[in-house]
Amino acid sequence: MSELTKRIFSALVMILVFFYLIYDASIVGIIFSELVFSIILWEYLGLIKKRKNKIIFISLFVLINIMLLALLSNDKLFISSNLLSIYFFAISSFSWIFIGFWVFKYQGEPITDLRVSLLGALVLIPAMYSLFIILTNSMYPLLIIGAVSIADTSAYFIGRRLGKRPIIPNVSPGKTVEGLIGSLIITPLFTSIAALILDNNIIHFLFFGVAVSLISFIGDVFFSLLKRNRNIKESSNLIPGHGGFIDLLDGTIAILPFFALSFLLALLLDYNFLGFIF
């Protein structure tokens, strides 16, 4: 079985498993999501070389989680909790924008182990907290995973077929301008078709497709940069053809806080987010 065939087969199996367990909306789906995120944390620890920096990463993760749970789970602060969540996801979303600029400017200099630890806490904690929002409606994870998969697959195949101009050669030589453009065309087309099928607002879904293409691309190249810094190709070997869960879900990790922020802003403004009831 070729590497490409393994990649396609593994992706299809994982997507089907995700779709079933999440759409089933049972406790099994929630447990599965938390299990996947635990594996992602374990894989990320493999990107950190020194033991003391691993301890710093774990300590930051635990400490920030305790603080957030204390702030956001107080029933007396329901309105304040919503505003705090908006600020939290807004900061996370802006962080990804700055990360994108940093990745594009990267010239091959080594990244310190401590920075890798801090970046891990910065991007993974908001992604985990996004799950509390994403899992409130079974259509949300289905839409996110489906759109990110289309963005990644279209960029991959169009890049292989038509790609000539590397977009970030110092980080990921295989990523091309043509592949990204193809993703920016095909993904919004996919989300627009989904809007027609679901009888929802096409314009909203069109912009959602564009956002997914761009943000998931940043997530992809960000984790590629961290792996290149460690001179490894894959985060683990758990998924044939893909490597690990970070390799499969890097774009999804990046899009989650943006989606959560959009949801909370729509809730604050009493707006029907993406046409779904919440």
C-alpha atoms as a PDB file:
ATOM      1  CA  MET A   1       0.000   0.000   0.000  1.00  0.00           C
ATOM      2  CA  SER A   2       1.482   3.342  -1.074  1.00  0.00           C
ATOM      3  CA  GLU A   3       1.986   6.218   1.383  1.00  0.00           C
ATOM      4  CA  LEU A   4      -0.716   8.227  -0.399  1.00  0.00           C
ATOM      5  CA  THR A   5      -3.200   5.353  -0.175  1.00  0.00           C
ATOM      6  CA  LYS A   6      -2.455   4.962   3.554  1.00  0.00           C
ATOM      7  CA  ARG A   7      -2.952   8.706   4.016  1.00  0.00           C
ATOM      8  CA  ILE A   8      -6.362   8.701   2.302  1.00  0.00           C
ATOM      9  CA  PHE A   9      -7.569   5.519   3.996  1.00  0.00           C
ATOM     10  CA  SER A  10      -6.476   6.641   7.473  1.00  0.00           C
ATOM     11  CA  ALA A  11      -8.066  10.065   7.015  1.00  0.00           C
ATOM     12  CA  LEU A  12     -11.373   8.548   5.905  1.00  0.00           C
ATOM     13  CA  VAL A  13     -11.448   6.120   8.830  1.00  0.00           C
ATOM     14  CA  MET A  14     -10.613   8.844  11.355  1.00  0.00           C
ATOM     15  CA  ILE A  15     -13.182  11.249   9.912  1.00  0.00           C
ATOM     16  CA  LEU A  16     -15.897   8.578   9.975  1.00  0.00           C
ATOM     17  CA  VAL A  17     -15.037   7.685  13.582  1.00  0.00           C
ATOM     18  CA  PHE A  18     -15.075  11.363  14.584  1.00  0.00           C
ATOM     19  CA  PHE A  19     -18.376  11.930  12.796  1.00  0.00           C
ATOM     20  CA  TYR A  20     -20.085   8.957  14.401  1.00  0.00           C
ATOM     21  CA  LEU A  21     -18.870   9.485  17.962  1.00  0.00           C
ATOM     22  CA  ILE A  22     -19.536  13.230  17.962  1.00  0.00           C
ATOM     23  CA  TYR A  23     -22.815  13.134  16.055  1.00  0.00           C
ATOM     24  CA  ASP A  24     -24.035  10.408  18.396  1.00  0.00           C
ATOM     25  CA  ALA A  25     -23.901  13.165  21.067  1.00  0.00           C
ATOM     26  CA  SER A  26     -23.361  10.627  23.809  1.00  0.00           C
ATOM     27  CA  ILE A  27     -20.903  10.544  26.685  1.00  0.00           C
ATOM     28  CA  VAL A  28     -18.801   8.201  24.534  1.00  0.00           C
ATOM     29  CA  GLY A  29     -18.215  11.005  22.031  1.00  0.00           C
ATOM     30  CA  ILE A  30     -17.117  13.389  24.774  1.00  0.00           C
ATOM     31  CA  ILE A  31     -14.770  10.797  26.282  1.00  0.00           C
ATOM     32  CA  PHE A  32     -13.332  10.090  22.838  1.00  0.00           C
ATOM     33  CA  SER A  33     -12.685  13.805  22.231  1.00  0.00           C
ATOM     34  CA  GLU A  34     -10.910  14.132  25.581  1.00  0.00           C
ATOM     35  CA  LEU A  35      -8.868  11.006  24.849  1.00  0.00           C
ATOM     36  CA  VAL A  36      -7.730  12.423  21.508  1.00  0.00           C
ATOM     37  CA  PHE A  37      -6.741  15.674  23.186  1.00  0.00           C
ATOM     38  CA  SER A  38      -4.769  13.775  25.834  1.00  0.00           C
ATOM     39  CA  ILE A  39      -2.860  12.012  23.040  1.00  0.00           C
ATOM     40  CA  ILE A  40      -2.173  15.407  21.424  1.00  0.00           C
ATOM     41  CA  LEU A  41      -0.674  16.640  24.718  1.00  0.00           C
ATOM     42  CA  TRP A  42       1.487  13.512  24.928  1.00  0.00           C
ATOM     43  CA  GLU A  43       2.673  14.023  21.346  1.00  0.00           C
ATOM     44  CA  TYR A  44       3.483  17.669  22.002  1.00  0.00           C
ATOM     45  CA  LEU A  45       5.669  16.686  24.951  1.00  0.00           C
ATOM     46  CA  GLY A  46       7.755  14.822  22.367  1.00  0.00           C
ATOM     47  CA  LEU A  47       8.562  18.184  20.738  1.00  0.00           C
ATOM     48  CA  ILE A  48      10.121  19.431  23.995  1.00  0.00           C
ATOM     49  CA  LYS A  49      13.675  18.203  24.551  1.00  0.00           C
ATOM     50  CA  LYS A  50      14.599  19.069  28.126  1.00  0.00           C
ATOM     51  CA  ARG A  51      12.888  17.539  31.131  1.00  0.00           C
ATOM     52  CA  LYS A  52      12.673  20.864  32.991  1.00  0.00           C
ATOM     53  CA  ASN A  53      10.842  22.443  30.042  1.00  0.00           C
ATOM     54  CA  LYS A  54       8.450  19.499  29.919  1.00  0.00           C
ATOM     55  CA  ILE A  55       7.716  20.185  33.588  1.00  0.00           C
ATOM     56  CA  ILE A  56       7.205  23.893  32.819  1.00  0.00           C
ATOM     57  CA  PHE A  57       4.764  22.995  30.015  1.00  0.00           C
ATOM     58  CA  ILE A  58       2.774  20.599  32.214  1.00  0.00           C
ATOM     59  CA  SER A  59       2.794  23.021  35.168  1.00  0.00           C
ATOM     60  CA  LEU A  60       1.573  25.910  32.994  1.00  0.00           C
ATOM     61  CA  PHE A  61      -1.119  23.704  31.526  1.00  0.00           C
ATOM     62  CA  VAL A  62      -2.382  22.594  34.941  1.00  0.00           C
ATOM     63  CA  LEU A  63      -2.106  26.059  36.532  1.00  0.00           C
ATOM     64  CA  ILE A  64      -3.936  27.907  33.739  1.00  0.00           C
ATOM     65  CA  ASN A  65      -6.628  25.226  33.653  1.00  0.00           C
ATOM     66  CA  ILE A  66      -7.240  25.586  37.399  1.00  0.00           C
ATOM     67  CA  MET A  67      -7.462  29.382  37.061  1.00  0.00           C
ATOM     68  CA  LEU A  68      -9.847  29.184  34.105  1.00  0.00           C
ATOM     69  CA  LEU A  69     -12.081  26.624  35.794  1.00  0.00           C
ATOM     70  CA  ALA A  70     -12.269  28.832  38.889  1.00  0.00           C
ATOM     71  CA  LEU A  71     -13.187  31.889  36.811  1.00  0.00           C
ATOM     72  CA  LEU A  72     -15.548  30.354  34.287  1.00  0.00           C
ATOM     73  CA  SER A  73     -17.480  27.839  36.404  1.00  0.00           C
ATOM     74  CA  ASN A  74     -18.880  30.270  38.965  1.00  0.00           C
ATOM     75  CA  ASP A  75     -22.656  30.367  38.469  1.00  0.00           C
ATOM     76  CA  LYS A  76     -22.838  33.792  40.141  1.00  0.00           C
ATOM     77  CA  LEU A  77     -20.606  35.204  37.425  1.00  0.00           C
ATOM     78  CA  PHE A  78     -22.544  33.853  34.439  1.00  0.00           C
ATOM     79  CA  ILE A  79     -22.447  37.103  32.429  1.00  0.00           C
ATOM     80  CA  SER A  80     -18.894  37.882  33.496  1.00  0.00           C
ATOM     81  CA  SER A  81     -17.862  34.334  32.600  1.00  0.00           C
ATOM     82  CA  ASN A  82     -19.159  34.806  29.074  1.00  0.00           C
ATOM     83  CA  LEU A  83     -17.207  38.064  28.741  1.00  0.00           C
ATOM     84  CA  LEU A  84     -14.094  36.451  30.196  1.00  0.00           C
ATOM     85  CA  SER A  85     -14.441  33.617  27.706  1.00  0.00           C
ATOM     86  CA  ILE A  86     -14.708  36.132  24.851  1.00  0.00           C
ATOM     87  CA  TYR A  87     -11.545  37.919  26.028  1.00  0.00           C
ATOM     88  CA  PHE A  88      -9.787  34.562  26.444  1.00  0.00           C
ATOM     89  CA  PHE A  89     -10.611  33.306  22.950  1.00  0.00           C
ATOM     90  CA  ALA A  90      -9.962  36.749  21.425  1.00  0.00           C
ATOM     91  CA  ILE A  91      -6.436  36.754  22.865  1.00  0.00           C
ATOM     92  CA  SER A  92      -5.946  33.202  21.609  1.00  0.00           C
ATOM     93  CA  SER A  93      -7.162  34.117  18.115  1.00  0.00           C
ATOM     94  CA  PHE A  94      -4.852  37.155  17.934  1.00  0.00           C
ATOM     95  CA  SER A  95      -2.016  34.925  19.149  1.00  0.00           C
ATOM     96  CA  TRP A  96      -2.546  32.666  16.138  1.00  0.00           C
ATOM     97  CA  ILE A  97      -2.394  35.710  13.849  1.00  0.00           C
ATOM     98  CA  PHE A  98       0.962  36.734  15.352  1.00  0.00           C
ATOM     99  CA  ILE A  99       2.143  33.122  15.102  1.00  0.00           C
ATOM    100  CA  GLY A 100       1.266  33.233  11.396  1.00  0.00           C
ATOM    101  CA  PHE A 101       3.425  36.340  10.862  1.00  0.00           C
ATOM    102  CA  TRP A 102       6.262  34.723  12.813  1.00  0.00           C
ATOM    103  CA  VAL A 103       6.121  31.531  10.732  1.00  0.00           C
ATOM    104  CA  PHE A 104       6.174  33.473   7.457  1.00  0.00           C
ATOM    105  CA  LYS A 105       9.204  35.488   8.631  1.00  0.00           C
ATOM    106  CA  TYR A 106      11.072  32.423   9.916  1.00  0.00           C
ATOM    107  CA  GLN A 107      14.541  32.104   8.373  1.00  0.00           C
ATOM    108  CA  GLY A 108      15.734  28.806   9.824  1.00  0.00           C
ATOM    109  CA  GLU A 109      17.040  29.970  13.199  1.00  0.00           C
ATOM    110  CA  PRO A 110      16.770  27.433  16.049  1.00  0.00           C
ATOM    111  CA  ILE A 111      13.795  27.732  18.395  1.00  0.00           C
ATOM    112  CA  THR A 112      14.589  27.456  22.087  1.00  0.00           C
ATOM    113  CA  ASP A 113      13.082  24.575  24.009  1.00  0.00           C
ATOM    114  CA  LEU A 114      11.498  26.984  26.488  1.00  0.00           C
ATOM    115  CA  ARG A 115       9.734  28.841  23.658  1.00  0.00           C
ATOM    116  CA  VAL A 116       8.338  25.544  22.361  1.00  0.00           C
ATOM    117  CA  SER A 117       6.956  24.854  25.862  1.00  0.00           C
ATOM    118  CA  LEU A 118       5.347  28.290  26.141  1.00  0.00           C
ATOM    119  CA  LEU A 119       3.900  28.113  22.619  1.00  0.00           C
ATOM    120  CA  GLY A 120       2.392  24.732  23.446  1.00  0.00           C
ATOM    121  CA  ALA A 121       0.503  26.148  26.425  1.00  0.00           C
ATOM    122  CA  LEU A 122      -0.534  29.174  24.351  1.00  0.00           C
ATOM    123  CA  VAL A 123      -2.182  27.179  21.550  1.00  0.00           C
ATOM    124  CA  LEU A 124      -3.347  23.946  23.173  1.00  0.00           C
ATOM    125  CA  ILE A 125      -5.182  25.298  26.237  1.00  0.00           C
ATOM    126  CA  PRO A 126      -7.619  27.451  24.166  1.00  0.00           C
ATOM    127  CA  ALA A 127      -8.156  24.524  21.785  1.00  0.00           C
ATOM    128  CA  MET A 128      -9.127  22.279  24.680  1.00  0.00           C
ATOM    129  CA  TYR A 129     -11.516  24.852  26.170  1.00  0.00           C
ATOM    130  CA  SER A 130     -13.066  25.335  22.757  1.00  0.00           C
ATOM    131  CA  LEU A 131     -14.363  21.766  23.017  1.00  0.00           C
ATOM    132  CA  PHE A 132     -16.842  22.878  25.723  1.00  0.00           C
ATOM    133  CA  ILE A 133     -18.468  25.079  23.064  1.00  0.00           C
ATOM    134  CA  ILE A 134     -17.900  22.957  19.969  1.00  0.00           C
ATOM    135  CA  LEU A 135     -19.565  19.900  21.504  1.00  0.00           C
ATOM    136  CA  THR A 136     -22.768  21.793  22.391  1.00  0.00           C
ATOM    137  CA  ASN A 137     -24.088  21.182  18.881  1.00  0.00           C
ATOM    138  CA  SER A 138     -23.224  18.043  16.912  1.00  0.00           C
ATOM    139  CA  MET A 139     -23.166  20.038  13.659  1.00  0.00           C
ATOM    140  CA  TYR A 140     -20.257  22.208  14.818  1.00  0.00           C
ATOM    141  CA  PRO A 141     -17.540  19.516  15.026  1.00  0.00           C
ATOM    142  CA  LEU A 142     -18.881  17.874  11.870  1.00  0.00           C
ATOM    143  CA  LEU A 143     -18.634  21.167  10.001  1.00  0.00           C
ATOM    144  CA  ILE A 144     -15.187  22.039  11.377  1.00  0.00           C
ATOM    145  CA  ILE A 145     -13.611  18.640  10.773  1.00  0.00           C
ATOM    146  CA  GLY A 146     -15.211  18.359   7.326  1.00  0.00           C
ATOM    147  CA  ALA A 147     -14.092  21.844   6.229  1.00  0.00           C
ATOM    148  CA  VAL A 148     -10.541  21.443   7.571  1.00  0.00           C
ATOM    149  CA  SER A 149     -10.251  18.038   5.887  1.00  0.00           C
ATOM    150  CA  ILE A 150     -11.360  19.531   2.560  1.00  0.00           C
ATOM    151  CA  ALA A 151      -8.921  22.446   2.969  1.00  0.00           C
ATOM    152  CA  ASP A 152      -6.010  20.137   3.759  1.00  0.00           C
ATOM    153  CA  THR A 153      -6.818  17.583   1.062  1.00  0.00           C
ATOM    154  CA  SER A 154      -7.411  20.141  -1.699  1.00  0.00           C
ATOM    155  CA  ALA A 155      -4.180  22.000  -0.855  1.00  0.00           C
ATOM    156  CA  TYR A 156      -2.279  18.699  -0.819  1.00  0.00           C
ATOM    157  CA  PHE A 157      -3.508  17.364  -4.164  1.00  0.00           C
ATOM    158  CA  ILE A 158      -3.495  20.674  -6.035  1.00  0.00           C
ATOM    159  CA  GLY A 159      -0.042  21.407  -4.640  1.00  0.00           C
ATOM    160  CA  ARG A 160       1.251  18.044  -5.866  1.00  0.00           C
ATOM    161  CA  ARG A 161      -0.364  18.457  -9.270  1.00  0.00           C
ATOM    162  CA  LEU A 162       0.112  22.152 -10.039  1.00  0.00           C
ATOM    163  CA  GLY A 163       2.391  23.476  -7.308  1.00  0.00           C
ATOM    164  CA  LYS A 164       5.509  25.277  -8.525  1.00  0.00           C
ATOM    165  CA  ARG A 165       6.086  28.150  -6.101  1.00  0.00           C
ATOM    166  CA  PRO A 166       6.887  27.231  -2.463  1.00  0.00           C
ATOM    167  CA  ILE A 167       5.055  29.556  -0.100  1.00  0.00           C
ATOM    168  CA  ILE A 168       7.218  28.967   3.014  1.00  0.00           C
ATOM    169  CA  PRO A 169      10.354  27.098   1.843  1.00  0.00           C
ATOM    170  CA  ASN A 170      12.160  27.528   5.183  1.00  0.00           C
ATOM    171  CA  VAL A 171       9.342  25.799   7.061  1.00  0.00           C
ATOM    172  CA  SER A 172       7.503  23.439   4.722  1.00  0.00           C
ATOM    173  CA  PRO A 173       8.937  23.201   1.177  1.00  0.00           C
ATOM    174  CA  GLY A 174       5.989  21.071   0.057  1.00  0.00           C
ATOM    175  CA  LYS A 175       3.457  23.862   0.692  1.00  0.00           C
ATOM    176  CA  THR A 176       2.883  25.907  -2.474  1.00  0.00           C
ATOM    177  CA  VAL A 177       1.075  29.082  -3.470  1.00  0.00           C
ATOM    178  CA  GLU A 178      -0.995  27.064  -5.937  1.00  0.00           C
ATOM    179  CA  GLY A 179      -2.051  24.605  -3.215  1.00  0.00           C
ATOM    180  CA  LEU A 180      -3.192  27.392  -0.901  1.00  0.00           C
ATOM    181  CA  ILE A 181      -5.114  29.121  -3.711  1.00  0.00           C
ATOM    182  CA  GLY A 182      -6.774  25.814  -4.573  1.00  0.00           C
ATOM    183  CA  SER A 183      -7.815  25.390  -0.937  1.00  0.00           C
ATOM    184  CA  LEU A 184      -9.186  28.955  -0.860  1.00  0.00           C
ATOM    185  CA  ILE A 185     -11.379  28.099  -3.866  1.00  0.00           C
ATOM    186  CA  ILE A 186     -12.493  24.559  -3.068  1.00  0.00           C
ATOM    187  CA  THR A 187     -13.158  24.898   0.686  1.00  0.00           C
ATOM    188  CA  PRO A 188     -15.601  27.843   0.409  1.00  0.00           C
ATOM    189  CA  LEU A 189     -17.270  25.979  -2.457  1.00  0.00           C
ATOM    190  CA  PHE A 190     -17.685  22.955  -0.184  1.00  0.00           C
ATOM    191  CA  THR A 191     -19.089  25.018   2.709  1.00  0.00           C
ATOM    192  CA  SER A 192     -21.464  26.829   0.328  1.00  0.00           C
ATOM    193  CA  ILE A 193     -22.807  23.494  -0.917  1.00  0.00           C
ATOM    194  CA  ALA A 194     -23.211  22.427   2.731  1.00  0.00           C
ATOM    195  CA  ALA A 195     -25.194  25.634   3.345  1.00  0.00           C
ATOM    196  CA  LEU A 196     -27.507  24.813   0.427  1.00  0.00           C
ATOM    197  CA  ILE A 197     -28.056  21.275   1.699  1.00  0.00           C
ATOM    198  CA  LEU A 198     -28.708  22.498   5.248  1.00  0.00           C
ATOM    199  CA  ASP A 199     -30.765  25.456   4.013  1.00  0.00           C
ATOM    200  CA  ASN A 200     -28.542  27.973   5.824  1.00  0.00           C
ATOM    201  CA  ASN A 201     -26.960  31.329   4.959  1.00  0.00           C
ATOM    202  CA  ILE A 202     -24.583  30.815   2.019  1.00  0.00           C
ATOM    203  CA  ILE A 203     -22.654  34.057   2.647  1.00  0.00           C
ATOM    204  CA  HIS A 204     -21.859  33.019   6.232  1.00  0.00           C
ATOM    205  CA  PHE A 205     -20.677  29.604   5.113  1.00  0.00           C
ATOM    206  CA  LEU A 206     -18.659  31.133   2.275  1.00  0.00           C
ATOM    207  CA  PHE A 207     -16.705  33.326   4.687  1.00  0.00           C
ATOM    208  CA  PHE A 208     -16.377  30.364   7.045  1.00  0.00           C
ATOM    209  CA  GLY A 209     -14.742  28.342   4.254  1.00  0.00           C
ATOM    210  CA  VAL A 210     -12.241  31.115   3.521  1.00  0.00           C
ATOM    211  CA  ALA A 211     -11.405  31.464   7.226  1.00  0.00           C
ATOM    212  CA  VAL A 212     -10.909  27.713   7.604  1.00  0.00           C
ATOM    213  CA  SER A 213      -8.528  27.613   4.611  1.00  0.00           C
ATOM    214  CA  LEU A 214      -6.336  30.406   5.955  1.00  0.00           C
ATOM    215  CA  ILE A 215      -6.359  29.552   9.665  1.00  0.00           C
ATOM    216  CA  SER A 216      -5.925  25.801   9.225  1.00  0.00           C
ATOM    217  CA  PHE A 217      -2.976  26.542   6.915  1.00  0.00           C
ATOM    218  CA  ILE A 218      -1.324  28.575   9.702  1.00  0.00           C
ATOM    219  CA  GLY A 219      -1.896  25.710  12.151  1.00  0.00           C
ATOM    220  CA  ASP A 220      -0.407  23.239   9.675  1.00  0.00           C
ATOM    221  CA  VAL A 221       2.800  25.211   9.019  1.00  0.00           C
ATOM    222  CA  PHE A 222       3.182  26.159  12.709  1.00  0.00           C
ATOM    223  CA  PHE A 223       3.379  22.542  13.818  1.00  0.00           C
ATOM    224  CA  SER A 224       5.550  21.759  10.787  1.00  0.00           C
ATOM    225  CA  LEU A 225       7.976  24.424  12.026  1.00  0.00           C
ATOM    226  CA  LEU A 226       8.107  22.915  15.506  1.00  0.00           C
ATOM    227  CA  LYS A 227       8.707  19.431  14.084  1.00  0.00           C
ATOM    228  CA  ARG A 228      11.422  20.749  11.737  1.00  0.00           C
ATOM    229  CA  ASN A 229      13.046  22.397  14.754  1.00  0.00           C
ATOM    230  CA  ARG A 230      13.208  18.943  16.399  1.00  0.00           C
ATOM    231  CA  ASN A 231      14.319  17.268  13.146  1.00  0.00           C
ATOM    232  CA  ILE A 232      11.329  14.935  13.146  1.00  0.00           C
ATOM    233  CA  LYS A 233       8.815  14.344  10.376  1.00  0.00           C
ATOM    234  CA  GLU A 234       5.795  13.181  12.384  1.00  0.00           C
ATOM    235  CA  SER A 235       4.508  13.759  15.907  1.00  0.00           C
ATOM    236  CA  SER A 236       4.057   9.988  16.413  1.00  0.00           C
ATOM    237  CA  ASN A 237       3.290   6.857  14.389  1.00  0.00           C
ATOM    238  CA  LEU A 238      -0.213   6.161  15.707  1.00  0.00           C
ATOM    239  CA  ILE A 239      -2.019   6.853  12.405  1.00  0.00           C
ATOM    240  CA  PRO A 240      -0.673   5.119   9.257  1.00  0.00           C
ATOM    241  CA  GLY A 241       0.110   7.588   6.463  1.00  0.00           C
ATOM    242  CA  HIS A 242      -0.352  10.625   8.708  1.00  0.00           C
ATOM    243  CA  GLY A 243       1.857  10.032  11.722  1.00  0.00           C
ATOM    244  CA  GLY A 244       0.126  11.282  14.827  1.00  0.00           C
ATOM    245  CA  PHE A 245      -2.964  13.148  15.910  1.00  0.00           C
ATOM    246  CA  ILE A 246      -1.154  16.487  15.768  1.00  0.00           C
ATOM    247  CA  ASP A 247      -0.269  15.764  12.138  1.00  0.00           C
ATOM    248  CA  LEU A 248      -3.910  14.970  11.384  1.00  0.00           C
ATOM    249  CA  LEU A 249      -5.538  17.729  13.452  1.00  0.00           C
ATOM    250  CA  ASP A 250      -3.010  20.599  13.314  1.00  0.00           C
ATOM    251  CA  GLY A 251      -5.358  22.799  11.268  1.00  0.00           C
ATOM    252  CA  THR A 252      -8.314  21.919  13.502  1.00  0.00           C
ATOM    253  CA  ILE A 253      -6.375  22.929  16.639  1.00  0.00           C
ATOM    254  CA  ALA A 254      -5.843  26.385  15.123  1.00  0.00           C
ATOM    255  CA  ILE A 255      -9.440  26.925  13.982  1.00  0.00           C
ATOM    256  CA  LEU A 256     -11.100  25.900  17.281  1.00  0.00           C
ATOM    257  CA  PRO A 257     -10.548  29.154  19.268  1.00  0.00           C
ATOM    258  CA  PHE A 258     -11.666  31.280  16.277  1.00  0.00           C
ATOM    259  CA  PHE A 259     -14.847  29.229  16.036  1.00  0.00           C
ATOM    260  CA  ALA A 260     -15.444  29.490  19.799  1.00  0.00           C
ATOM    261  CA  LEU A 261     -14.939  33.269  19.689  1.00  0.00           C
ATOM    262  CA  SER A 262     -17.395  33.630  16.797  1.00  0.00           C
ATOM    263  CA  PHE A 263     -19.946  31.527  18.665  1.00  0.00           C
ATOM    264  CA  LEU A 264     -19.674  33.576  21.872  1.00  0.00           C
ATOM    265  CA  LEU A 265     -19.862  36.902  20.037  1.00  0.00           C
ATOM    266  CA  ALA A 266     -22.976  35.694  18.219  1.00  0.00           C
ATOM    267  CA  LEU A 267     -24.448  34.596  21.556  1.00  0.00           C
ATOM    268  CA  LEU A 268     -23.699  37.999  23.085  1.00  0.00           C
ATOM    269  CA  LEU A 269     -25.332  39.778  20.147  1.00  0.00           C
ATOM    270  CA  ASP A 270     -28.278  37.344  20.123  1.00  0.00           C
ATOM    271  CA  TYR A 271     -27.410  36.281  16.586  1.00  0.00           C
ATOM    272  CA  ASN A 272     -28.194  32.894  15.060  1.00  0.00           C
ATOM    273  CA  PHE A 273     -24.673  31.554  14.560  1.00  0.00           C
ATOM    274  CA  LEU A 274     -24.232  29.859  11.148  1.00  0.00           C
ATOM    275  CA  GLY A 275     -27.972  29.224  11.043  1.00  0.00           C
ATOM    276  CA  PHE A 276     -27.900  26.550  13.764  1.00  0.00           C
ATOM    277  CA  ILE A 277     -29.880  26.681  16.979  1.00  0.00           C
ATOM    278  CA  PHE A 278     -27.769  26.888  20.130  1.00  0.00           C
END
